[in-house]
Amino acid sequence: TCGSPAVHLPVTAGGIAVAYNLPSVKDLQLSPKTLAGIFQGTAKTWDDAAVKADNPGVTLPSTAITAVHRDDSSGTTKVFSSFLAATAAADWKLGADKELSWPAGVQGAKGSDGVSQAVAAAEGGITYVEKSYVDGSTALAAAKVQNSAGEYAELDSGPVSEALAGATTDVKGQDIKVKIDFTAVKGDAYPITAVSYEIVCSKGKDAAKAKLLKSFLAYAVGDGQKSAEDAGYAPLPDSLAGQVATAVTALS
């Protein structure tokens, strides 16, 4: 389509929330091993021993767990399953992809709207979804997720940016890709973090459109970063934003 190389340009980062509906528990903590059990249907109630071990001193109800997954092809599923495959390899048996062969006891729903609505409607429900769906719901809360440093990290812009700051960046000309090693997330960084990209032609076919695109991208990695947190995302680290800004300048 481009007639020139297409390039990846990171524009923001987002944490995938482990969203749950359990009104009596305000500060739920979950480890990768426990999440693997929940989403494979082996942990069936909220007072399961694995959940208790993650939440010492917390009174957990015997409410049934209703795990809900995306039943359409989903990048969110790919990131969430990749996280479990990397950090709970001995327990997670479903692999890592946009679509998985889920156990019969785990419910499916279409799209982010579908899974968040299903959990909001079912006390004891749990799913994985973008943070904005938790922020926009009175029924959902986001669990703290244990990272590879052993810390239960809160999903917020700071911990997401911290995870991104520890990522490796592969730069090939104007093409910039970011890889987060789920097994090496340190400090208070939120572990289930992903990068969102704009994928654009390195050389446009229409000069006026190319100029407009460059203007938008320059804003997105410049002043636009100030809007990330209000939209449920996290700003890029300054060093990465600078690399992207340089790549945008070189687009033609």
Protein backbone atom coordinates (compact mmCIF):
# COMPACT_ATOMS: atom_id res chain seq x y z
CA THR A 1 0.00 0.00 0.00
CA CYS A 2 2.75 2.44 0.94
CA GLY A 3 5.18 1.77 -1.87
CA SER A 4 7.78 2.39 0.85
CA PRO A 5 8.58 0.68 4.18
CA ALA A 6 5.83 0.91 6.81
CA VAL A 7 7.15 1.82 10.25
CA HIS A 8 6.00 1.36 13.85
CA LEU A 9 5.84 4.49 16.01
CA PRO A 10 4.98 4.03 19.72
CA VAL A 11 2.51 6.69 20.90
CA THR A 12 1.34 5.57 24.34
CA ALA A 13 1.35 2.74 26.86
CA GLY A 14 -1.52 1.08 28.64
CA GLY A 15 -1.91 -1.39 31.45
CA ILE A 16 -4.36 -4.24 31.03
CA ALA A 17 -6.60 -4.30 34.08
CA VAL A 18 -7.59 -7.47 35.87
CA ALA A 19 -11.11 -6.17 36.46
CA TYR A 20 -13.30 -7.79 39.09
CA ASN A 21 -16.72 -7.36 40.70
CA LEU A 22 -16.48 -8.16 44.39
CA PRO A 23 -17.99 -5.32 46.45
CA SER A 24 -16.74 -6.61 49.80
CA VAL A 25 -13.08 -6.67 48.70
CA LYS A 26 -11.57 -3.29 47.87
CA ASP A 27 -7.87 -4.12 47.50
CA LEU A 28 -7.61 -7.50 45.83
CA GLN A 29 -4.13 -8.83 45.04
CA LEU A 30 -3.46 -11.57 42.50
CA SER A 31 -0.28 -13.38 41.47
CA PRO A 32 0.30 -14.79 37.98
CA LYS A 33 -0.07 -18.35 39.31
CA THR A 34 -3.45 -17.52 40.86
CA LEU A 35 -4.60 -15.76 37.68
CA ALA A 36 -3.64 -18.86 35.69
CA GLY A 37 -5.87 -20.95 37.96
CA ILE A 38 -8.77 -18.50 37.77
CA PHE A 39 -8.77 -18.22 33.97
CA GLN A 40 -8.36 -21.97 33.47
CA GLY A 41 -11.28 -22.66 35.78
CA THR A 42 -9.35 -24.51 38.50
CA ALA A 43 -9.88 -21.82 41.15
CA LYS A 44 -13.65 -21.80 41.53
CA THR A 45 -14.47 -19.59 44.55
CA TRP A 46 -13.04 -16.36 45.89
CA ASP A 47 -12.00 -18.03 49.15
CA ASP A 48 -9.85 -20.52 47.22
CA ALA A 49 -6.54 -21.22 48.98
CA ALA A 50 -4.53 -19.59 46.18
CA VAL A 51 -6.50 -16.33 46.40
CA LYS A 52 -6.18 -16.39 50.20
CA ALA A 53 -2.41 -16.80 49.93
CA ASP A 54 -2.23 -13.64 47.80
CA ASN A 55 -4.41 -11.69 50.25
CA PRO A 56 -3.30 -12.41 53.84
CA GLY A 57 -5.59 -10.94 56.48
CA VAL A 58 -8.38 -10.22 53.99
CA THR A 59 -11.82 -11.74 54.48
CA LEU A 60 -12.74 -13.33 51.18
CA PRO A 61 -16.29 -14.47 50.38
CA SER A 62 -17.20 -17.95 49.18
CA THR A 63 -18.75 -16.37 46.09
CA ALA A 64 -18.26 -18.37 42.89
CA ILE A 65 -15.67 -17.01 40.48
CA THR A 66 -17.06 -16.16 37.03
CA ALA A 67 -14.06 -15.75 34.74
CA VAL A 68 -14.84 -14.04 31.43
CA HIS A 69 -12.54 -14.02 28.41
CA ARG A 70 -12.64 -12.38 25.00
CA ASP A 71 -14.12 -14.82 22.48
CA ASP A 72 -13.08 -12.73 19.48
CA SER A 73 -9.56 -12.26 18.13
CA SER A 74 -7.97 -9.81 20.53
CA GLY A 75 -4.63 -8.12 21.05
CA THR A 76 -5.60 -7.77 24.71
CA THR A 77 -5.87 -11.56 24.96
CA LYS A 78 -2.44 -11.86 23.29
CA VAL A 79 -0.80 -9.58 25.87
CA PHE A 80 -2.62 -11.10 28.85
CA SER A 81 -1.87 -14.69 27.81
CA SER A 82 1.75 -13.79 26.97
CA PHE A 83 2.13 -12.39 30.48
CA LEU A 84 0.82 -15.62 32.04
CA ALA A 85 2.87 -17.81 29.70
CA ALA A 86 6.01 -15.94 30.72
CA THR A 87 5.39 -15.58 34.46
CA ALA A 88 3.35 -18.69 35.32
CA ALA A 89 4.74 -21.14 32.78
CA ALA A 90 4.35 -24.16 35.05
CA ASP A 91 0.65 -23.45 35.58
CA TRP A 92 -0.62 -21.74 32.41
CA LYS A 93 -1.44 -24.34 29.75
CA LEU A 94 -3.31 -22.30 27.13
CA GLY A 95 -0.38 -20.68 25.34
CA ALA A 96 -0.20 -17.10 24.09
CA ASP A 97 -2.20 -15.80 21.14
CA LYS A 98 -5.07 -13.54 20.09
CA GLU A 99 -7.44 -16.52 20.33
CA LEU A 100 -7.14 -19.45 22.75
CA SER A 101 -8.89 -22.77 23.35
CA TRP A 102 -10.50 -21.82 26.65
CA PRO A 103 -11.86 -24.41 29.12
CA ALA A 104 -15.61 -24.94 29.05
CA GLY A 105 -16.06 -23.43 32.51
CA VAL A 106 -14.72 -20.01 31.45
CA GLN A 107 -17.29 -17.69 29.85
CA GLY A 108 -16.70 -15.81 26.63
CA ALA A 109 -17.94 -12.39 25.53
CA LYS A 110 -17.26 -10.27 22.46
CA GLY A 111 -15.11 -7.17 22.69
CA SER A 112 -14.01 -5.04 25.61
CA ASP A 113 -17.58 -3.81 26.06
CA GLY A 114 -18.84 -7.38 26.23
CA VAL A 115 -16.43 -8.69 28.85
CA SER A 116 -16.67 -5.60 31.06
CA GLN A 117 -20.47 -5.61 30.93
CA ALA A 118 -20.60 -9.34 31.72
CA VAL A 119 -18.45 -8.88 34.81
CA ALA A 120 -20.25 -5.74 35.94
CA ALA A 121 -23.50 -7.74 35.84
CA ALA A 122 -22.17 -10.74 37.79
CA GLU A 123 -20.93 -10.45 41.38
CA GLY A 124 -17.83 -12.61 41.57
CA GLY A 125 -16.92 -11.92 37.96
CA ILE A 126 -13.41 -11.23 36.67
CA THR A 127 -11.90 -10.38 33.28
CA TYR A 128 -8.98 -8.61 31.61
CA VAL A 129 -9.66 -5.33 29.86
CA GLU A 130 -8.27 -1.86 29.18
CA LYS A 131 -8.12 0.40 32.23
CA SER A 132 -10.62 2.89 30.80
CA TYR A 133 -13.39 0.29 31.14
CA VAL A 134 -12.72 0.08 34.87
CA ASP A 135 -12.52 3.85 35.25
CA GLY A 136 -15.90 4.19 33.56
CA SER A 137 -17.68 1.62 35.74
CA THR A 138 -19.02 1.82 39.29
CA ALA A 139 -19.18 -1.98 39.55
CA LEU A 140 -15.60 -2.83 38.56
CA ALA A 141 -12.29 -2.51 40.38
CA ALA A 142 -8.76 -3.31 39.21
CA ALA A 143 -6.75 -5.87 41.17
CA LYS A 144 -3.13 -5.30 42.06
CA VAL A 145 -1.00 -7.75 40.08
CA GLN A 146 2.23 -9.29 41.34
CA ASN A 147 5.24 -8.41 39.20
CA SER A 148 8.48 -10.35 38.83
CA ALA A 149 10.01 -8.42 41.73
CA GLY A 150 7.32 -9.92 43.98
CA GLU A 151 5.49 -6.61 44.43
CA TYR A 152 1.73 -6.31 43.99
CA ALA A 153 1.57 -3.34 41.64
CA GLU A 154 -1.34 -0.98 41.23
CA LEU A 155 -2.61 -0.16 37.74
CA ASP A 156 -1.88 3.54 37.36
CA SER A 157 0.01 5.71 34.91
CA GLY A 158 3.15 5.85 37.08
CA PRO A 159 3.61 2.05 37.41
CA VAL A 160 2.81 1.61 33.71
CA SER A 161 5.40 4.20 32.70
CA GLU A 162 7.87 2.52 35.06
CA ALA A 163 7.34 -0.80 33.25
CA LEU A 164 7.89 0.93 29.93
CA ALA A 165 11.07 2.61 31.16
CA GLY A 166 12.55 -0.84 31.81
CA ALA A 167 11.68 -2.14 28.33
CA THR A 168 14.10 -2.66 25.47
CA THR A 169 13.74 -0.59 22.31
CA ASP A 170 14.60 -1.92 18.86
CA VAL A 171 15.27 0.95 16.46
CA LYS A 172 15.82 0.30 12.77
CA GLY A 173 15.82 3.62 10.99
CA GLN A 174 12.39 5.14 11.58
CA ASP A 175 10.91 1.82 12.76
CA ILE A 176 10.71 1.67 16.57
CA LYS A 177 9.49 -1.39 18.47
CA VAL A 178 9.34 -1.80 22.24
CA LYS A 179 9.61 -5.14 24.04
CA ILE A 180 8.61 -5.53 27.68
CA ASP A 181 10.09 -8.59 29.39
CA PHE A 182 7.30 -9.73 31.72
CA THR A 183 9.82 -11.72 33.76
CA ALA A 184 12.02 -8.70 34.48
CA VAL A 185 9.55 -6.05 35.69
CA LYS A 186 11.11 -4.37 38.70
CA GLY A 187 10.16 -2.04 41.54
CA ASP A 188 6.53 -0.99 41.62
CA ALA A 189 6.07 -1.32 37.85
CA TYR A 190 2.74 -2.72 36.66
CA PRO A 191 3.54 -5.94 34.83
CA ILE A 192 0.70 -6.38 32.29
CA THR A 193 1.71 -3.39 30.21
CA ALA A 194 1.56 -2.97 26.45
CA VAL A 195 2.54 -0.31 23.92
CA SER A 196 0.18 1.15 21.31
CA TYR A 197 1.61 2.08 17.93
CA GLU A 198 0.78 4.15 14.92
CA ILE A 199 1.86 2.24 11.80
CA VAL A 200 2.56 4.64 8.96
CA CYS A 201 4.24 4.86 5.58
CA SER A 202 7.78 6.18 5.77
CA LYS A 203 7.15 8.01 2.51
CA GLY A 204 3.67 9.27 1.73
CA LYS A 205 2.07 9.39 -1.70
CA ASP A 206 0.21 12.66 -1.05
CA ALA A 207 2.31 15.60 0.16
CA ALA A 208 -0.59 17.43 1.82
CA LYS A 209 -1.72 14.34 3.72
CA ALA A 210 1.86 13.50 4.72
CA LYS A 211 2.27 17.00 6.17
CA LEU A 212 -0.98 16.67 8.14
CA LEU A 213 0.01 13.21 9.40
CA LYS A 214 3.40 14.45 10.57
CA SER A 215 1.72 17.34 12.38
CA PHE A 216 -0.63 14.94 14.20
CA LEU A 217 2.15 12.53 15.14
CA ALA A 218 4.37 15.35 16.39
CA TYR A 219 1.50 16.44 18.65
CA ALA A 220 0.80 12.87 19.79
CA VAL A 221 4.34 12.32 21.07
CA GLY A 222 4.70 15.94 22.25
CA ASP A 223 1.98 17.92 24.01
CA GLY A 224 -0.50 15.10 23.41
CA GLN A 225 1.30 12.98 26.00
CA LYS A 226 -0.24 15.21 28.68
CA SER A 227 -3.66 13.75 27.83
CA ALA A 228 -2.64 10.10 28.23
CA GLU A 229 -3.50 9.69 31.91
CA ASP A 230 -6.98 11.22 31.60
CA ALA A 231 -7.70 8.78 28.77
CA GLY A 232 -6.68 5.77 30.88
CA TYR A 233 -3.18 5.40 29.43
CA ALA A 234 0.35 6.40 30.40
CA PRO A 235 2.79 8.80 28.75
CA LEU A 236 5.90 7.53 27.02
CA PRO A 237 9.20 8.02 28.89
CA ASP A 238 10.89 11.20 27.68
CA SER A 239 13.74 9.30 26.03
CA LEU A 240 11.38 7.15 23.97
CA ALA A 241 9.14 10.09 23.07
CA GLY A 242 12.24 11.88 21.82
CA GLN A 243 13.20 8.93 19.62
CA VAL A 244 9.71 8.83 18.12
CA ALA A 245 9.72 12.59 17.55
CA THR A 246 12.97 12.25 15.60
CA ALA A 247 11.49 9.45 13.50
CA VAL A 248 8.38 11.55 12.77
CA THR A 249 10.57 14.42 11.54
CA ALA A 250 12.20 12.03 9.07
CA LEU A 251 8.88 10.95 7.51
CA SER A 252 8.33 12.35 4.04
